[in-house]
C-alpha atoms as a PDB file:
ATOM      1  CA  UNK A   1     153.907  51.655 120.917  1.00  0.00           C
ATOM      2  CA  UNK A   2     151.884  54.342 122.773  1.00  0.00           C
ATOM      3  CA  UNK A   3     149.840  57.046 121.091  1.00  0.00           C
ATOM      4  CA  UNK A   4     150.148  60.695 122.165  1.00  0.00           C
ATOM      5  CA  UNK A   5     153.279  60.306 124.273  1.00  0.00           C
ATOM      6  CA  UNK A   6     153.498  64.074 124.670  1.00  0.00           C
ATOM      7  CA  UNK A   7     149.863  64.433 125.794  1.00  0.00           C
ATOM      8  CA  UNK A   8     149.245  67.175 123.237  1.00  0.00           C
ATOM      9  CA  UNK A   9     146.443  65.468 121.311  1.00  0.00           C
ATOM     10  CA  UNK A  10     148.622  65.068 118.219  1.00  0.00           C
ATOM     11  CA  UNK A  11     149.211  61.359 118.604  1.00  0.00           C
ATOM     12  CA  UNK A  12     152.566  59.641 118.349  1.00  0.00           C
ATOM     13  CA  UNK A  13     154.885  61.898 116.357  1.00  0.00           C
ATOM     14  CA  UNK A  14     156.874  58.863 115.185  1.00  0.00           C
ATOM     15  CA  UNK A  15     153.769  57.257 113.662  1.00  0.00           C
ATOM     16  CA  UNK A  16     152.310  59.351 110.832  1.00  0.00           C
ATOM     17  CA  UNK A  17     149.140  57.180 110.749  1.00  0.00           C
ATOM     18  CA  UNK A  18     147.964  56.664 114.339  1.00  0.00           C
ATOM     19  CA  UNK A  19     144.727  54.866 113.410  1.00  0.00           C
ATOM     20  CA  UNK A  20     146.485  52.651 110.831  1.00  0.00           C
ATOM     21  CA  UNK A  21     143.874  53.243 108.140  1.00  0.00           C
ATOM     22  CA  UNK A  22     146.374  54.005 105.377  1.00  0.00           C
ATOM     23  CA  UNK A  23     146.000  57.813 105.439  1.00  0.00           C
ATOM     24  CA  UNK A  24     148.564  59.997 107.202  1.00  0.00           C
ATOM     25  CA  UNK A  25     147.159  61.891 110.194  1.00  0.00           C
ATOM     26  CA  UNK A  26     147.700  65.295 108.569  1.00  0.00           C
ATOM     27  CA  UNK A  27     145.424  64.287 105.667  1.00  0.00           C
ATOM     28  CA  UNK A  28     143.083  61.974 107.597  1.00  0.00           C
ATOM     29  CA  UNK A  29     139.504  63.246 108.056  1.00  0.00           C
ATOM     30  CA  UNK A  30     139.273  61.144 111.215  1.00  0.00           C
ATOM     31  CA  UNK A  31     142.841  60.732 112.542  1.00  0.00           C
ATOM     32  CA  UNK A  32     142.004  58.809 115.721  1.00  0.00           C
ATOM     33  CA  UNK A  33     139.477  56.322 114.259  1.00  0.00           C
ATOM     34  CA  UNK A  34     140.089  54.117 111.238  1.00  0.00           C
ATOM     35  CA  UNK A  35     138.221  55.370 108.178  1.00  0.00           C
ATOM     36  CA  UNK A  36     140.090  53.642 105.313  1.00  0.00           C
ATOM     37  CA  UNK A  37     137.839  55.024 102.552  1.00  0.00           C
ATOM     38  CA  UNK A  38     137.850  58.546 104.078  1.00  0.00           C
ATOM     39  CA  UNK A  39     134.081  58.740 103.547  1.00  0.00           C
ATOM     40  CA  UNK A  40     132.454  62.044 104.460  1.00  0.00           C
ATOM     41  CA  UNK A  41     128.835  62.033 103.309  1.00  0.00           C
ATOM     42  CA  UNK A  42     128.038  65.619 104.328  1.00  0.00           C
ATOM     43  CA  UNK A  43     131.323  67.151 103.064  1.00  0.00           C
ATOM     44  CA  UNK A  44     132.173  68.925 106.330  1.00  0.00           C
ATOM     45  CA  UNK A  45     135.743  67.504 106.305  1.00  0.00           C
ATOM     46  CA  UNK A  46     135.009  65.157 109.250  1.00  0.00           C
ATOM     47  CA  UNK A  47     134.871  61.455 108.356  1.00  0.00           C
ATOM     48  CA  UNK A  48     131.688  59.467 108.855  1.00  0.00           C
ATOM     49  CA  UNK A  49     133.135  57.338 111.681  1.00  0.00           C
ATOM     50  CA  UNK A  50     133.921  60.367 113.860  1.00  0.00           C
ATOM     51  CA  UNK A  51     131.071  62.656 112.726  1.00  0.00           C
ATOM     52  CA  UNK A  52     128.045  62.288 115.011  1.00  0.00           C
ATOM     53  CA  UNK A  53     125.701  63.665 112.316  1.00  0.00           C
ATOM     54  CA  UNK A  54     127.112  62.802 108.895  1.00  0.00           C
ATOM     55  CA  UNK A  55     123.907  63.984 107.207  1.00  0.00           C
ATOM     56  CA  UNK A  56     124.389  67.579 108.405  1.00  0.00           C
ATOM     57  CA  UNK A  57     127.414  69.442 107.045  1.00  0.00           C
ATOM     58  CA  UNK A  58     127.093  72.044 109.806  1.00  0.00           C
ATOM     59  CA  UNK A  59     127.538  69.646 112.766  1.00  0.00           C
ATOM     60  CA  UNK A  60     130.223  67.059 113.516  1.00  0.00           C
ATOM     61  CA  UNK A  61     130.348  66.710 117.326  1.00  0.00           C
ATOM     62  CA  UNK A  62     128.523  67.593 120.521  1.00  0.00           C
ATOM     63  CA  UNK A  63     129.312  71.077 121.846  1.00  0.00           C
ATOM     64  CA  UNK A  64     132.013  71.371 124.474  1.00  0.00           C
ATOM     65  CA  UNK A  65     131.547  72.355 128.094  1.00  0.00           C
ATOM     66  CA  UNK A  66     130.491  75.825 129.041  1.00  0.00           C
ATOM     67  CA  UNK A  67     132.241  78.221 131.378  1.00  0.00           C
ATOM     68  CA  UNK A  68     129.521  79.615 133.621  1.00  0.00           C
ATOM     69  CA  UNK A  69     129.737  82.947 135.432  1.00  0.00           C
ATOM     70  CA  UNK A  70     127.051  84.005 137.914  1.00  0.00           C
ATOM     71  CA  UNK A  71     126.292  86.943 140.164  1.00  0.00           C
ATOM     72  CA  UNK A  72     123.700  87.224 142.917  1.00  0.00           C
ATOM     73  CA  UNK A  73     122.052  90.599 143.500  1.00  0.00           C
ATOM     74  CA  UNK A  74     119.289  90.531 146.081  1.00  0.00           C
ATOM     75  CA  UNK A  75     116.842  87.797 145.178  1.00  0.00           C
ATOM     76  CA  UNK A  76     117.993  87.467 141.580  1.00  0.00           C
ATOM     77  CA  UNK A  77     120.934  85.483 140.228  1.00  0.00           C
ATOM     78  CA  UNK A  78     122.220  86.377 136.753  1.00  0.00           C
ATOM     79  CA  UNK A  79     124.335  83.985 134.690  1.00  0.00           C
ATOM     80  CA  UNK A  80     126.179  84.137 131.430  1.00  0.00           C
ATOM     81  CA  UNK A  81     128.476  81.708 129.668  1.00  0.00           C
ATOM     82  CA  UNK A  82     130.593  81.056 126.634  1.00  0.00           C
ATOM     83  CA  UNK A  83     131.303  77.931 124.627  1.00  0.00           C
ATOM     84  CA  UNK A  84     134.649  76.190 124.485  1.00  0.00           C
ATOM     85  CA  UNK A  85     133.928  74.260 121.258  1.00  0.00           C
ATOM     86  CA  UNK A  86     130.654  74.489 119.317  1.00  0.00           C
ATOM     87  CA  UNK A  87     130.938  71.130 117.508  1.00  0.00           C
ATOM     88  CA  UNK A  88     129.917  72.720 114.231  1.00  0.00           C
ATOM     89  CA  UNK A  89     128.654  75.893 112.654  1.00  0.00           C
ATOM     90  CA  UNK A  90     124.946  75.247 113.326  1.00  0.00           C
ATOM     91  CA  UNK A  91     123.441  77.686 115.865  1.00  0.00           C
ATOM     92  CA  UNK A  92     123.339  76.168 119.345  1.00  0.00           C
ATOM     93  CA  UNK A  93     120.486  76.108 121.829  1.00  0.00           C
ATOM     94  CA  UNK A  94     120.940  76.051 125.591  1.00  0.00           C
ATOM     95  CA  UNK A  95     119.321  74.385 128.590  1.00  0.00           C
ATOM     96  CA  UNK A  96     119.949  75.833 132.042  1.00  0.00           C
ATOM     97  CA  UNK A  97     119.308  73.644 135.095  1.00  0.00           C
ATOM     98  CA  UNK A  98     119.119  74.345 138.830  1.00  0.00           C
ATOM     99  CA  UNK A  99     119.314  71.724 141.577  1.00  0.00           C
ATOM    100  CA  UNK A 100     119.439  71.710 145.352  1.00  0.00           C
ATOM    101  CA  UNK A 101     121.996  68.886 145.107  1.00  0.00           C
ATOM    102  CA  UNK A 102     125.461  69.202 143.613  1.00  0.00           C
ATOM    103  CA  UNK A 103     125.361  65.548 142.502  1.00  0.00           C
ATOM    104  CA  UNK A 104     121.739  65.117 141.397  1.00  0.00           C
ATOM    105  CA  UNK A 105     120.742  66.949 138.244  1.00  0.00           C
ATOM    106  CA  UNK A 106     118.288  64.250 137.141  1.00  0.00           C
ATOM    107  CA  UNK A 107     115.683  65.871 139.383  1.00  0.00           C
ATOM    108  CA  UNK A 108     116.813  69.409 138.497  1.00  0.00           C
ATOM    109  CA  UNK A 109     114.472  72.137 137.331  1.00  0.00           C
ATOM    110  CA  UNK A 110     114.942  73.527 133.844  1.00  0.00           C
ATOM    111  CA  UNK A 111     115.111  77.307 134.091  1.00  0.00           C
ATOM    112  CA  UNK A 112     115.610  77.560 130.335  1.00  0.00           C
ATOM    113  CA  UNK A 113     115.081  75.084 127.525  1.00  0.00           C
ATOM    114  CA  UNK A 114     116.345  75.342 123.957  1.00  0.00           C
ATOM    115  CA  UNK A 115     117.096  79.031 124.439  1.00  0.00           C
ATOM    116  CA  UNK A 116     119.334  80.768 121.904  1.00  0.00           C
ATOM    117  CA  UNK A 117     121.017  83.422 124.061  1.00  0.00           C
ATOM    118  CA  UNK A 118     123.958  83.064 126.435  1.00  0.00           C
ATOM    119  CA  UNK A 119     122.283  84.404 129.569  1.00  0.00           C
ATOM    120  CA  UNK A 120     119.899  83.130 132.224  1.00  0.00           C
ATOM    121  CA  UNK A 121     118.173  84.631 135.249  1.00  0.00           C
ATOM    122  CA  UNK A 122     117.013  82.809 138.368  1.00  0.00           C
ATOM    123  CA  UNK A 123     114.610  84.700 140.617  1.00  0.00           C
ATOM    124  CA  UNK A 124     113.606  81.568 142.567  1.00  0.00           C
ATOM    125  CA  UNK A 125     112.787  82.387 146.184  1.00  0.00           C
ATOM    126  CA  UNK A 126     114.758  80.151 148.536  1.00  0.00           C
ATOM    127  CA  UNK A 127     115.097  79.952 152.299  1.00  0.00           C
ATOM    128  CA  UNK A 128     118.093  81.657 153.854  1.00  0.00           C
ATOM    129  CA  UNK A 129     121.068  79.301 153.988  1.00  0.00           C
ATOM    130  CA  UNK A 130     119.864  77.277 150.991  1.00  0.00           C
ATOM    131  CA  UNK A 131     122.492  76.515 148.378  1.00  0.00           C
ATOM    132  CA  UNK A 132     121.535  75.988 144.743  1.00  0.00           C
ATOM    133  CA  UNK A 133     123.681  74.440 142.031  1.00  0.00           C
ATOM    134  CA  UNK A 134     123.535  75.371 138.352  1.00  0.00           C
ATOM    135  CA  UNK A 135     124.639  73.734 135.120  1.00  0.00           C
ATOM    136  CA  UNK A 136     124.268  74.809 131.515  1.00  0.00           C
ATOM    137  CA  UNK A 137     124.074  72.504 128.525  1.00  0.00           C
ATOM    138  CA  UNK A 138     124.657  73.583 124.924  1.00  0.00           C
ATOM    139  CA  UNK A 139     122.984  71.372 122.325  1.00  0.00           C
ATOM    140  CA  UNK A 140     123.053  70.758 118.608  1.00  0.00           C
ATOM    141  CA  UNK A 141     121.706  67.841 116.549  1.00  0.00           C
ATOM    142  CA  UNK A 142     124.330  65.572 118.189  1.00  0.00           C
ATOM    143  CA  UNK A 143     123.024  66.324 121.683  1.00  0.00           C
ATOM    144  CA  UNK A 144     124.693  68.103 124.546  1.00  0.00           C
ATOM    145  CA  UNK A 145     126.673  67.533 127.714  1.00  0.00           C
ATOM    146  CA  UNK A 146     126.587  68.783 131.285  1.00  0.00           C
ATOM    147  CA  UNK A 147     130.292  68.017 131.529  1.00  0.00           C
ATOM    148  CA  UNK A 148     132.004  65.573 133.842  1.00  0.00           C
ATOM    149  CA  UNK A 149     131.921  65.089 137.573  1.00  0.00           C
ATOM    150  CA  UNK A 150     133.840  62.506 139.593  1.00  0.00           C
ATOM    151  CA  UNK A 151     135.401  61.159 136.385  1.00  0.00           C
ATOM    152  CA  UNK A 152     132.109  60.365 134.645  1.00  0.00           C
ATOM    153  CA  UNK A 153     129.736  62.287 132.407  1.00  0.00           C
ATOM    154  CA  UNK A 154     127.045  64.083 134.398  1.00  0.00           C
ATOM    155  CA  UNK A 155     123.450  63.148 133.740  1.00  0.00           C
ATOM    156  CA  UNK A 156     120.645  65.629 134.062  1.00  0.00           C
ATOM    157  CA  UNK A 157     116.989  66.282 133.496  1.00  0.00           C
ATOM    158  CA  UNK A 158     115.791  66.448 129.918  1.00  0.00           C
ATOM    159  CA  UNK A 159     114.391  69.908 129.336  1.00  0.00           C
ATOM    160  CA  UNK A 160     111.188  70.184 127.290  1.00  0.00           C
END
């Protein structure tokens, strides 16, 4: 039997307990991973096996990917973004990276590190014809992600 035949993230509608842990999906605090005792040490309603920080009731997963919008005016580029999924209720911090390579963010420069707002400015002087690439990373106590590229999670420089 296949899970999520409809591709809607709800699992197999004919199987009320997709992870076979003895708790129906609608009541399961971790419906895709077996958690037979339904333990939830931080009482955030996410079971310990699917909660990346089960000591912090304000965080249960890494933040989702950001949608980045940028404008270039003269020598300055302005960016802002929003979060798709915060992964908790804890305030997020943001890293903002710039690279001269679309595929290499390990050697990127951190324009912002652990910043709390949703904007960034790049006034880096570059030669005419130079192309720069930007990625933002939202972080909480579970970490953060630069998203996926070519079917794999992107890796990038650790910002101070």
